[in-house]
Amino acid sequence: MSMKTFEAACKLAKEYGYSIFIGGGEPTIHSKFWAMLGMAMTYNIEDKVGIITNGSMTETSLRLAELARNGIIFCGLSQDEYHSRIDPAVIKAFDNGRSKYSYYTPTNDMREIRDVGENVKAMGRAKINQLSDEAGCCCDDLFVTPKGKIYTCSCKKTSLGTVHEPSFDGYDTYDHDCRGAA
């Protein structure tokens, strides 16, 4: 995604009151990742910017874990049978000592290890590799593609224009049920 498109997406999120969540593929491999994170933080004032990483970029992942430990961002590390093994130091850095079922946090610690294997949906690599026969959507919020197209979710069933020319009056008027989406 270009910086121009990313900034337009951030402005749109702020205008409509949405939180900014950076995902991928692996978002930390983008050459302007740190600039994008900084930009997202300037537009995402009321909530923490969220990032999901697979931990493959060791030094970047360790820095993100530290930011999340201090409550500056939310950062989840995806670890399950579908992700490649990574540096054990990264896993240790993301271990917050809480059970995966415990949502109570006595501190500002916003890091977690995510086992997404139990939620595999029939999309992306899961669909291609026939890892799931369950149709579904992996997100409940707006999805912006690298080219700036806006969809109601990552299934890309309902288009809402682009970040430069949105064509919606508010996201809540659209159906979120993507079961069976192609």
N, C-alpha and C. Protein backbone atom coordinates (compact mmCIF):
# COMPACT_ATOMS: atom_id res chain seq x y z
N MET A 1 0.86 -1.18 0.00
CA MET A 1 0.00 0.00 0.00
C MET A 1 0.90 1.23 0.00
N SER A 2 0.55 2.20 -0.81
CA SER A 2 1.33 3.44 -0.85
C SER A 2 1.02 4.28 0.39
N MET A 3 1.93 5.20 0.72
CA MET A 3 1.71 6.09 1.87
C MET A 3 0.49 6.97 1.64
N LYS A 4 0.27 7.38 0.40
CA LYS A 4 -0.89 8.23 0.08
C LYS A 4 -2.19 7.47 0.36
N THR A 5 -2.27 6.23 -0.07
CA THR A 5 -3.46 5.41 0.16
C THR A 5 -3.62 5.11 1.65
N PHE A 6 -2.50 4.82 2.32
CA PHE A 6 -2.58 4.52 3.75
C PHE A 6 -3.06 5.75 4.53
N GLU A 7 -2.56 6.92 4.18
CA GLU A 7 -3.01 8.13 4.88
C GLU A 7 -4.50 8.39 4.63
N ALA A 8 -4.94 8.16 3.40
CA ALA A 8 -6.37 8.34 3.10
C ALA A 8 -7.21 7.35 3.93
N ALA A 9 -6.73 6.12 4.09
CA ALA A 9 -7.44 5.13 4.91
C ALA A 9 -7.47 5.57 6.36
N CYS A 10 -6.37 6.10 6.86
CA CYS A 10 -6.32 6.59 8.25
C CYS A 10 -7.28 7.76 8.46
N LYS A 11 -7.31 8.68 7.51
CA LYS A 11 -8.22 9.82 7.61
C LYS A 11 -9.67 9.35 7.60
N LEU A 12 -9.97 8.40 6.75
CA LEU A 12 -11.33 7.85 6.67
C LEU A 12 -11.72 7.17 7.98
N ALA A 13 -10.79 6.40 8.55
CA ALA A 13 -11.06 5.74 9.83
C ALA A 13 -11.34 6.77 10.91
N LYS A 14 -10.56 7.82 10.94
CA LYS A 14 -10.77 8.87 11.95
C LYS A 14 -12.12 9.55 11.74
N GLU A 15 -12.43 9.88 10.49
CA GLU A 15 -13.68 10.57 10.18
C GLU A 15 -14.90 9.77 10.62
N TYR A 16 -14.85 8.45 10.45
CA TYR A 16 -16.00 7.61 10.79
C TYR A 16 -15.89 6.96 12.17
N GLY A 17 -14.81 7.27 12.89
CA GLY A 17 -14.66 6.76 14.26
C GLY A 17 -14.23 5.32 14.37
N TYR A 18 -13.51 4.80 13.37
CA TYR A 18 -13.03 3.42 13.41
C TYR A 18 -11.60 3.35 13.92
N SER A 19 -11.29 2.26 14.59
CA SER A 19 -9.92 2.02 15.02
C SER A 19 -9.10 1.53 13.84
N ILE A 20 -7.82 1.78 13.90
CA ILE A 20 -6.92 1.34 12.83
C ILE A 20 -6.21 0.07 13.28
N PHE A 21 -6.30 -0.94 12.44
CA PHE A 21 -5.67 -2.22 12.71
C PHE A 21 -4.84 -2.58 11.50
N ILE A 22 -3.56 -2.84 11.66
CA ILE A 22 -2.65 -3.12 10.55
C ILE A 22 -2.36 -4.62 10.52
N GLY A 23 -2.71 -5.24 9.41
CA GLY A 23 -2.49 -6.68 9.26
C GLY A 23 -1.89 -6.98 7.91
N GLY A 24 -2.03 -8.17 7.48
CA GLY A 24 -1.41 -8.52 6.22
C GLY A 24 -2.02 -9.76 5.64
N GLY A 25 -1.24 -10.49 5.08
CA GLY A 25 0.15 -10.90 5.09
C GLY A 25 0.86 -10.39 6.33
N GLU A 26 2.10 -10.16 6.18
CA GLU A 26 2.96 -9.71 7.29
C GLU A 26 3.25 -8.22 7.11
N PRO A 27 2.63 -7.35 7.92
CA PRO A 27 2.76 -5.91 7.71
C PRO A 27 4.16 -5.37 7.97
N THR A 28 4.95 -6.05 8.79
CA THR A 28 6.26 -5.49 9.14
C THR A 28 7.29 -5.58 8.02
N ILE A 29 6.98 -6.28 6.94
CA ILE A 29 7.93 -6.34 5.83
C ILE A 29 7.79 -5.16 4.88
N HIS A 30 6.75 -4.35 5.06
CA HIS A 30 6.59 -3.15 4.22
C HIS A 30 7.75 -2.21 4.48
N SER A 31 8.33 -1.66 3.44
CA SER A 31 9.50 -0.80 3.58
C SER A 31 9.22 0.46 4.41
N LYS A 32 7.97 0.85 4.50
CA LYS A 32 7.60 2.05 5.26
C LYS A 32 6.75 1.70 6.48
N PHE A 33 6.94 0.49 7.01
CA PHE A 33 6.13 0.04 8.12
C PHE A 33 6.15 1.01 9.30
N TRP A 34 7.33 1.43 9.74
CA TRP A 34 7.42 2.30 10.92
C TRP A 34 6.77 3.65 10.66
N ALA A 35 6.90 4.17 9.46
CA ALA A 35 6.23 5.44 9.12
C ALA A 35 4.71 5.25 9.13
N MET A 36 4.25 4.11 8.64
CA MET A 36 2.81 3.82 8.65
C MET A 36 2.30 3.68 10.07
N LEU A 37 3.06 3.00 10.92
CA LEU A 37 2.64 2.86 12.31
C LEU A 37 2.54 4.24 12.97
N GLY A 38 3.54 5.08 12.75
CA GLY A 38 3.50 6.44 13.31
C GLY A 38 2.30 7.22 12.79
N MET A 39 2.03 7.12 11.51
CA MET A 39 0.89 7.82 10.93
C MET A 39 -0.41 7.30 11.53
N ALA A 40 -0.54 5.98 11.64
CA ALA A 40 -1.75 5.40 12.22
C ALA A 40 -1.96 5.89 13.64
N MET A 41 -0.89 6.03 14.39
CA MET A 41 -0.99 6.49 15.77
C MET A 41 -1.45 7.95 15.85
N THR A 42 -1.11 8.75 14.87
CA THR A 42 -1.56 10.15 14.89
C THR A 42 -3.03 10.28 14.54
N TYR A 43 -3.56 9.36 13.75
CA TYR A 43 -4.97 9.42 13.36
C TYR A 43 -5.86 8.60 14.30
N ASN A 44 -5.33 7.63 14.97
CA ASN A 44 -6.08 6.70 15.81
C ASN A 44 -5.97 7.14 17.27
N ILE A 45 -6.58 8.25 17.60
CA ILE A 45 -6.36 8.88 18.90
C ILE A 45 -7.09 8.20 20.05
N GLU A 46 -8.32 7.76 19.86
CA GLU A 46 -9.12 7.24 20.97
C GLU A 46 -8.82 5.80 21.34
N ASP A 47 -8.20 5.04 20.49
CA ASP A 47 -7.94 3.63 20.75
C ASP A 47 -6.49 3.34 20.37
N LYS A 48 -6.00 2.22 20.78
CA LYS A 48 -4.64 1.84 20.41
C LYS A 48 -4.63 1.26 19.00
N VAL A 49 -3.61 1.57 18.23
CA VAL A 49 -3.43 0.95 16.92
C VAL A 49 -3.15 -0.52 17.17
N GLY A 50 -3.75 -1.37 16.36
CA GLY A 50 -3.54 -2.81 16.50
C GLY A 50 -2.70 -3.35 15.36
N ILE A 51 -1.84 -4.30 15.67
CA ILE A 51 -0.99 -4.93 14.67
C ILE A 51 -0.98 -6.43 14.95
N ILE A 52 -1.04 -7.21 13.88
CA ILE A 52 -0.86 -8.65 13.98
C ILE A 52 0.38 -9.00 13.18
N THR A 53 1.29 -9.72 13.80
CA THR A 53 2.53 -10.11 13.14
C THR A 53 2.73 -11.61 13.26
N ASN A 54 3.51 -12.17 12.33
CA ASN A 54 3.85 -13.58 12.45
C ASN A 54 5.21 -13.75 13.13
N GLY A 55 5.86 -12.63 13.45
CA GLY A 55 7.13 -12.67 14.17
C GLY A 55 8.34 -12.99 13.34
N SER A 56 8.19 -13.04 12.03
CA SER A 56 9.31 -13.44 11.17
C SER A 56 10.42 -12.39 11.10
N MET A 57 10.10 -11.16 11.35
CA MET A 57 11.10 -10.08 11.37
C MET A 57 11.50 -9.88 12.83
N THR A 58 12.51 -10.62 13.27
CA THR A 58 12.85 -10.73 14.69
C THR A 58 13.01 -9.38 15.39
N GLU A 59 13.89 -8.53 14.90
CA GLU A 59 14.15 -7.25 15.59
C GLU A 59 12.91 -6.37 15.63
N THR A 60 12.17 -6.31 14.53
CA THR A 60 10.94 -5.53 14.49
C THR A 60 9.92 -6.11 15.47
N SER A 61 9.80 -7.42 15.51
CA SER A 61 8.85 -8.07 16.41
C SER A 61 9.19 -7.81 17.87
N LEU A 62 10.46 -7.82 18.20
CA LEU A 62 10.88 -7.53 19.58
C LEU A 62 10.54 -6.09 19.96
N ARG A 63 10.71 -5.17 19.02
CA ARG A 63 10.35 -3.77 19.28
C ARG A 63 8.85 -3.62 19.46
N LEU A 64 8.06 -4.30 18.62
CA LEU A 64 6.61 -4.23 18.73
C LEU A 64 6.13 -4.82 20.06
N ALA A 65 6.74 -5.92 20.49
CA ALA A 65 6.37 -6.53 21.77
C ALA A 65 6.63 -5.55 22.92
N GLU A 66 7.72 -4.82 22.84
CA GLU A 66 8.03 -3.84 23.89
C GLU A 66 7.03 -2.68 23.88
N LEU A 67 6.67 -2.20 22.70
CA LEU A 67 5.65 -1.14 22.61
C LEU A 67 4.32 -1.62 23.19
N ALA A 68 3.95 -2.85 22.88
CA ALA A 68 2.69 -3.40 23.38
C ALA A 68 2.76 -3.65 24.89
N ARG A 69 3.90 -4.12 25.38
CA ARG A 69 4.07 -4.36 26.81
C ARG A 69 3.86 -3.07 27.60
N ASN A 70 4.25 -1.96 27.00
CA ASN A 70 4.09 -0.66 27.65
C ASN A 70 2.76 0.02 27.34
N GLY A 71 1.87 -0.69 26.63
CA GLY A 71 0.53 -0.17 26.37
C GLY A 71 0.46 0.91 25.31
N ILE A 72 1.47 1.01 24.47
CA ILE A 72 1.49 2.06 23.43
C ILE A 72 0.68 1.62 22.22
N ILE A 73 0.74 0.33 21.89
CA ILE A 73 -0.02 -0.26 20.80
C ILE A 73 -0.58 -1.59 21.29
N PHE A 74 -1.49 -2.19 20.52
CA PHE A 74 -1.85 -3.59 20.72
C PHE A 74 -1.06 -4.37 19.68
N CYS A 75 -0.48 -5.49 20.06
CA CYS A 75 0.21 -6.32 19.08
C CYS A 75 0.01 -7.78 19.42
N GLY A 76 -0.49 -8.52 18.44
CA GLY A 76 -0.69 -9.95 18.58
C GLY A 76 0.29 -10.71 17.72
N LEU A 77 0.85 -11.76 18.28
CA LEU A 77 1.76 -12.64 17.56
C LEU A 77 0.99 -13.90 17.18
N SER A 78 0.86 -14.16 15.89
CA SER A 78 0.16 -15.36 15.41
C SER A 78 1.11 -16.55 15.46
N GLN A 79 0.74 -17.54 16.25
CA GLN A 79 1.54 -18.75 16.37
C GLN A 79 0.60 -19.95 16.41
N ASP A 80 0.75 -20.81 15.46
CA ASP A 80 -0.04 -22.04 15.40
C ASP A 80 0.59 -22.94 14.37
N GLU A 81 -0.04 -24.04 14.09
CA GLU A 81 0.53 -25.01 13.15
C GLU A 81 0.65 -24.48 11.72
N TYR A 82 -0.02 -23.38 11.39
CA TYR A 82 0.00 -22.84 10.03
C TYR A 82 1.08 -21.79 9.83
N HIS A 83 1.75 -21.36 10.91
CA HIS A 83 2.80 -20.35 10.82
C HIS A 83 4.16 -21.00 10.99
N SER A 84 5.15 -20.47 10.29
CA SER A 84 6.52 -20.98 10.40
C SER A 84 7.07 -20.72 11.79
N ARG A 85 7.99 -21.55 12.21
CA ARG A 85 8.64 -21.37 13.50
C ARG A 85 9.50 -20.11 13.45
N ILE A 86 9.54 -19.42 14.57
CA ILE A 86 10.31 -18.17 14.65
C ILE A 86 11.28 -18.22 15.82
N ASP A 87 12.08 -17.18 15.95
CA ASP A 87 13.04 -17.06 17.02
C ASP A 87 12.33 -17.19 18.37
N PRO A 88 12.75 -18.10 19.23
CA PRO A 88 12.12 -18.26 20.54
C PRO A 88 12.12 -16.97 21.38
N ALA A 89 13.06 -16.08 21.12
CA ALA A 89 13.09 -14.80 21.85
C ALA A 89 11.85 -13.97 21.54
N VAL A 90 11.33 -14.09 20.32
CA VAL A 90 10.11 -13.36 19.94
C VAL A 90 8.92 -13.92 20.71
N ILE A 91 8.82 -15.23 20.76
CA ILE A 91 7.71 -15.84 21.51
C ILE A 91 7.78 -15.43 22.97
N LYS A 92 8.96 -15.47 23.54
CA LYS A 92 9.14 -15.07 24.94
C LYS A 92 8.75 -13.61 25.14
N ALA A 93 9.11 -12.75 24.19
CA ALA A 93 8.79 -11.32 24.29
C ALA A 93 7.29 -11.06 24.27
N PHE A 94 6.54 -11.91 23.60
CA PHE A 94 5.09 -11.74 23.51
C PHE A 94 4.33 -12.46 24.62
N ASP A 95 5.00 -13.28 25.38
CA ASP A 95 4.33 -14.00 26.46
C ASP A 95 4.03 -13.04 27.60
N ASN A 96 2.75 -12.75 27.79
CA ASN A 96 2.35 -11.81 28.83
C ASN A 96 2.00 -12.50 30.14
N GLY A 97 2.13 -13.81 30.18
CA GLY A 97 1.87 -14.55 31.40
C GLY A 97 0.40 -14.81 31.69
N ARG A 98 -0.47 -14.37 30.80
CA ARG A 98 -1.90 -14.59 31.00
C ARG A 98 -2.35 -15.81 30.20
N SER A 99 -3.39 -16.42 30.67
CA SER A 99 -4.02 -17.51 29.93
C SER A 99 -4.63 -16.93 28.67
N LYS A 100 -4.72 -17.72 27.60
CA LYS A 100 -5.32 -17.22 26.37
C LYS A 100 -6.81 -16.94 26.55
N TYR A 101 -7.39 -17.43 27.64
CA TYR A 101 -8.80 -17.19 27.90
C TYR A 101 -9.01 -16.05 28.90
N SER A 102 -7.92 -15.46 29.37
CA SER A 102 -8.02 -14.39 30.36
C SER A 102 -7.94 -13.04 29.67
N TYR A 103 -9.00 -12.26 29.75
CA TYR A 103 -9.00 -10.95 29.12
C TYR A 103 -8.71 -9.85 30.13
N TYR A 104 -8.60 -10.20 31.41
CA TYR A 104 -8.29 -9.22 32.44
C TYR A 104 -6.80 -8.95 32.41
N THR A 105 -6.44 -7.71 32.40
CA THR A 105 -5.04 -7.34 32.47
C THR A 105 -4.86 -6.25 33.52
N PRO A 106 -4.07 -6.50 34.56
CA PRO A 106 -3.91 -5.51 35.62
C PRO A 106 -2.98 -4.37 35.22
N THR A 107 -2.38 -4.45 34.06
CA THR A 107 -1.46 -3.41 33.59
C THR A 107 -1.91 -2.93 32.22
N ASN A 108 -1.10 -2.13 31.62
CA ASN A 108 -1.38 -1.66 30.25
C ASN A 108 -0.87 -2.63 29.20
N ASP A 109 -0.40 -3.78 29.59
CA ASP A 109 0.19 -4.76 28.68
C ASP A 109 -0.80 -5.15 27.59
N MET A 110 -0.46 -4.84 26.33
CA MET A 110 -1.36 -5.08 25.19
C MET A 110 -0.74 -6.05 24.18
N ARG A 111 0.01 -7.03 24.65
CA ARG A 111 0.59 -8.02 23.75
C ARG A 111 -0.05 -9.36 24.02
N GLU A 112 -0.11 -10.18 22.98
CA GLU A 112 -0.68 -11.51 23.16
C GLU A 112 -0.14 -12.45 22.10
N ILE A 113 -0.18 -13.71 22.42
CA ILE A 113 0.13 -14.76 21.44
C ILE A 113 -1.20 -15.32 21.00
N ARG A 114 -1.43 -15.27 19.70
CA ARG A 114 -2.71 -15.68 19.13
C ARG A 114 -2.58 -17.05 18.49
N ASP A 115 -3.40 -17.99 18.90
CA ASP A 115 -3.48 -19.28 18.23
C ASP A 115 -4.68 -19.21 17.31
N VAL A 116 -4.43 -18.86 16.07
CA VAL A 116 -5.54 -18.70 15.13
C VAL A 116 -5.92 -20.01 14.47
N GLY A 117 -5.22 -21.07 14.80
CA GLY A 117 -5.51 -22.38 14.22
C GLY A 117 -6.91 -22.86 14.52
N GLU A 118 -7.45 -22.48 15.68
CA GLU A 118 -8.80 -22.92 16.02
C GLU A 118 -9.87 -22.12 15.30
N ASN A 119 -9.48 -21.05 14.60
CA ASN A 119 -10.44 -20.20 13.89
C ASN A 119 -10.22 -20.19 12.39
N VAL A 120 -9.58 -21.19 11.83
CA VAL A 120 -9.26 -21.16 10.41
C VAL A 120 -10.54 -21.05 9.59
N LYS A 121 -10.59 -20.05 8.74
CA LYS A 121 -11.74 -19.82 7.87
C LYS A 121 -11.37 -20.21 6.45
N ALA A 122 -12.36 -20.49 5.65
CA ALA A 122 -12.13 -20.90 4.27
C ALA A 122 -11.87 -19.67 3.41
N MET A 123 -10.70 -19.09 3.56
CA MET A 123 -10.30 -17.95 2.76
C MET A 123 -8.78 -17.90 2.72
N GLY A 124 -8.26 -17.14 1.79
CA GLY A 124 -6.81 -17.00 1.68
C GLY A 124 -6.12 -18.34 1.56
N ARG A 125 -4.98 -18.48 2.27
CA ARG A 125 -4.22 -19.73 2.22
C ARG A 125 -5.02 -20.91 2.74
N ALA A 126 -5.89 -20.66 3.72
CA ALA A 126 -6.70 -21.76 4.26
C ALA A 126 -7.60 -22.34 3.18
N LYS A 127 -8.16 -21.48 2.34
CA LYS A 127 -9.04 -21.95 1.28
C LYS A 127 -8.23 -22.65 0.19
N ILE A 128 -7.14 -22.03 -0.21
CA ILE A 128 -6.29 -22.60 -1.26
C ILE A 128 -5.79 -23.98 -0.86
N ASN A 129 -5.37 -24.11 0.41
CA ASN A 129 -4.81 -25.37 0.89
C ASN A 129 -5.86 -26.31 1.48
N GLN A 130 -7.13 -25.96 1.31
CA GLN A 130 -8.25 -26.76 1.78
C GLN A 130 -8.11 -27.16 3.25
N LEU A 131 -7.73 -26.17 4.07
CA LEU A 131 -7.57 -26.40 5.50
C LEU A 131 -8.89 -26.26 6.24
N SER A 132 -9.90 -25.75 5.57
CA SER A 132 -11.19 -25.58 6.21
C SER A 132 -12.28 -25.70 5.18
N ASP A 133 -13.38 -26.32 5.56
CA ASP A 133 -14.52 -26.37 4.65
C ASP A 133 -15.61 -25.41 5.12
N GLU A 134 -15.30 -24.61 6.14
CA GLU A 134 -16.25 -23.68 6.71
C GLU A 134 -16.12 -22.32 6.02
N ALA A 135 -17.19 -21.87 5.40
CA ALA A 135 -17.16 -20.53 4.81
C ALA A 135 -17.29 -19.53 5.94
N GLY A 136 -16.64 -18.41 5.80
CA GLY A 136 -16.75 -17.40 6.85
C GLY A 136 -15.86 -16.22 6.58
N CYS A 137 -15.92 -15.30 7.47
CA CYS A 137 -15.18 -14.06 7.36
C CYS A 137 -14.23 -13.94 8.54
N CYS A 138 -13.04 -13.44 8.30
CA CYS A 138 -12.07 -13.34 9.39
C CYS A 138 -12.10 -11.97 10.05
N CYS A 139 -12.96 -11.09 9.62
CA CYS A 139 -13.01 -9.77 10.26
C CYS A 139 -14.44 -9.27 10.36
N ASP A 140 -14.65 -8.38 11.28
CA ASP A 140 -15.98 -7.82 11.50
C ASP A 140 -16.02 -6.33 11.20
N ASP A 141 -15.06 -5.84 10.48
CA ASP A 141 -14.98 -4.41 10.27
C ASP A 141 -14.52 -4.10 8.85
N LEU A 142 -14.43 -2.83 8.54
CA LEU A 142 -14.01 -2.42 7.21
C LEU A 142 -12.65 -2.99 6.86
N PHE A 143 -12.48 -3.30 5.58
CA PHE A 143 -11.25 -3.88 5.07
C PHE A 143 -10.79 -3.02 3.91
N VAL A 144 -9.56 -2.54 3.94
CA VAL A 144 -9.00 -1.71 2.88
C VAL A 144 -7.88 -2.47 2.20
N THR A 145 -7.97 -2.61 0.89
CA THR A 145 -6.94 -3.32 0.13
C THR A 145 -5.74 -2.41 -0.11
N PRO A 146 -4.61 -2.98 -0.51
CA PRO A 146 -3.44 -2.15 -0.80
C PRO A 146 -3.69 -1.07 -1.87
N LYS A 147 -4.66 -1.29 -2.75
CA LYS A 147 -4.98 -0.29 -3.77
C LYS A 147 -5.99 0.74 -3.26
N GLY A 148 -6.46 0.58 -2.01
CA GLY A 148 -7.36 1.56 -1.41
C GLY A 148 -8.84 1.27 -1.58
N LYS A 149 -9.20 0.08 -2.08
CA LYS A 149 -10.61 -0.27 -2.19
C LYS A 149 -11.14 -0.65 -0.81
N ILE A 150 -12.36 -0.23 -0.50
CA ILE A 150 -12.97 -0.50 0.80
C ILE A 150 -14.05 -1.56 0.63
N TYR A 151 -14.02 -2.55 1.52
CA TYR A 151 -15.04 -3.59 1.55
C TYR A 151 -15.58 -3.70 2.97
N THR A 152 -16.76 -4.31 3.10
CA THR A 152 -17.33 -4.49 4.43
C THR A 152 -16.52 -5.50 5.23
N CYS A 153 -15.74 -6.34 4.56
CA CYS A 153 -14.88 -7.31 5.25
C CYS A 153 -13.88 -7.86 4.23
N SER A 154 -13.03 -8.76 4.68
CA SER A 154 -12.00 -9.29 3.78
C SER A 154 -12.53 -10.28 2.76
N CYS A 155 -13.79 -10.66 2.85
CA CYS A 155 -14.39 -11.52 1.83
C CYS A 155 -14.64 -10.75 0.53
N LYS A 156 -14.59 -9.44 0.62
CA LYS A 156 -14.76 -8.54 -0.53
C LYS A 156 -16.09 -8.74 -1.23
N LYS A 157 -17.13 -9.02 -0.46
CA LYS A 157 -18.46 -9.26 -1.02
C LYS A 157 -19.17 -7.94 -1.33
N THR A 158 -19.05 -6.96 -0.44
CA THR A 158 -19.73 -5.69 -0.62
C THR A 158 -18.72 -4.56 -0.69
N SER A 159 -18.62 -3.91 -1.84
CA SER A 159 -17.69 -2.80 -2.03
C SER A 159 -18.30 -1.50 -1.53
N LEU A 160 -17.46 -0.69 -0.90
CA LEU A 160 -17.89 0.61 -0.39
C LEU A 160 -17.07 1.74 -1.01
N GLY A 161 -16.60 1.54 -2.22
CA GLY A 161 -15.82 2.57 -2.90
C GLY A 161 -14.34 2.45 -2.60
N THR A 162 -13.67 3.60 -2.58
CA THR A 162 -12.25 3.63 -2.28
C THR A 162 -12.00 4.61 -1.14
N VAL A 163 -10.79 4.59 -0.61
CA VAL A 163 -10.47 5.54 0.46
C VAL A 163 -10.49 6.97 -0.06
N HIS A 164 -10.34 7.13 -1.36
CA HIS A 164 -10.35 8.46 -1.96
C HIS A 164 -11.77 8.90 -2.31
N GLU A 165 -12.65 7.93 -2.59
CA GLU A 165 -14.05 8.21 -2.92
C GLU A 165 -14.96 7.17 -2.26
N PRO A 166 -15.15 7.30 -0.94
CA PRO A 166 -16.02 6.32 -0.27
C PRO A 166 -17.46 6.46 -0.74
N SER A 167 -18.17 5.33 -0.75
CA SER A 167 -19.57 5.35 -1.19
C SER A 167 -20.47 4.73 -0.13
N PHE A 168 -20.36 5.24 1.09
CA PHE A 168 -21.21 4.76 2.16
C PHE A 168 -21.48 5.89 3.14
N ASP A 169 -22.63 5.78 3.81
CA ASP A 169 -23.03 6.79 4.78
C ASP A 169 -22.75 6.35 6.20
N GLY A 170 -22.20 5.21 6.34
CA GLY A 170 -21.92 4.65 7.67
C GLY A 170 -21.92 3.16 7.55
N TYR A 171 -20.95 2.55 8.10
CA TYR A 171 -20.74 1.12 7.96
C TYR A 171 -21.87 0.29 8.55
N ASP A 172 -22.49 0.77 9.60
CA ASP A 172 -23.49 -0.03 10.31
C ASP A 172 -24.72 -0.36 9.47
N THR A 173 -24.88 0.25 8.31
CA THR A 173 -26.05 -0.03 7.49
C THR A 173 -25.84 -1.25 6.59
N TYR A 174 -24.67 -1.85 6.63
CA TYR A 174 -24.38 -2.97 5.74
C TYR A 174 -24.39 -4.30 6.47
N ASP A 175 -24.77 -5.34 5.76
CA ASP A 175 -24.83 -6.68 6.31
C ASP A 175 -23.42 -7.23 6.47
N HIS A 176 -23.12 -7.76 7.64
CA HIS A 176 -21.79 -8.30 7.92
C HIS A 176 -21.69 -9.79 7.66
N ASP A 177 -22.76 -10.47 7.36
CA ASP A 177 -22.75 -11.91 7.20
C ASP A 177 -22.16 -12.29 5.85
N CYS A 178 -20.98 -12.86 5.87
CA CYS A 178 -20.29 -13.20 4.62
C CYS A 178 -20.24 -14.70 4.39
N ARG A 179 -20.97 -15.46 5.15
CA ARG A 179 -20.95 -16.90 4.96
C ARG A 179 -21.34 -17.25 3.53
N GLY A 180 -20.52 -18.05 2.92
CA GLY A 180 -20.78 -18.46 1.55
C GLY A 180 -20.23 -17.49 0.52
N ALA A 181 -19.54 -16.43 0.96
CA ALA A 181 -18.97 -15.47 0.02
C ALA A 181 -17.88 -16.14 -0.79
N ALA A 182 -17.77 -15.75 -2.04
CA ALA A 182 -16.75 -16.35 -2.90
C ALA A 182 -15.39 -15.80 -2.60
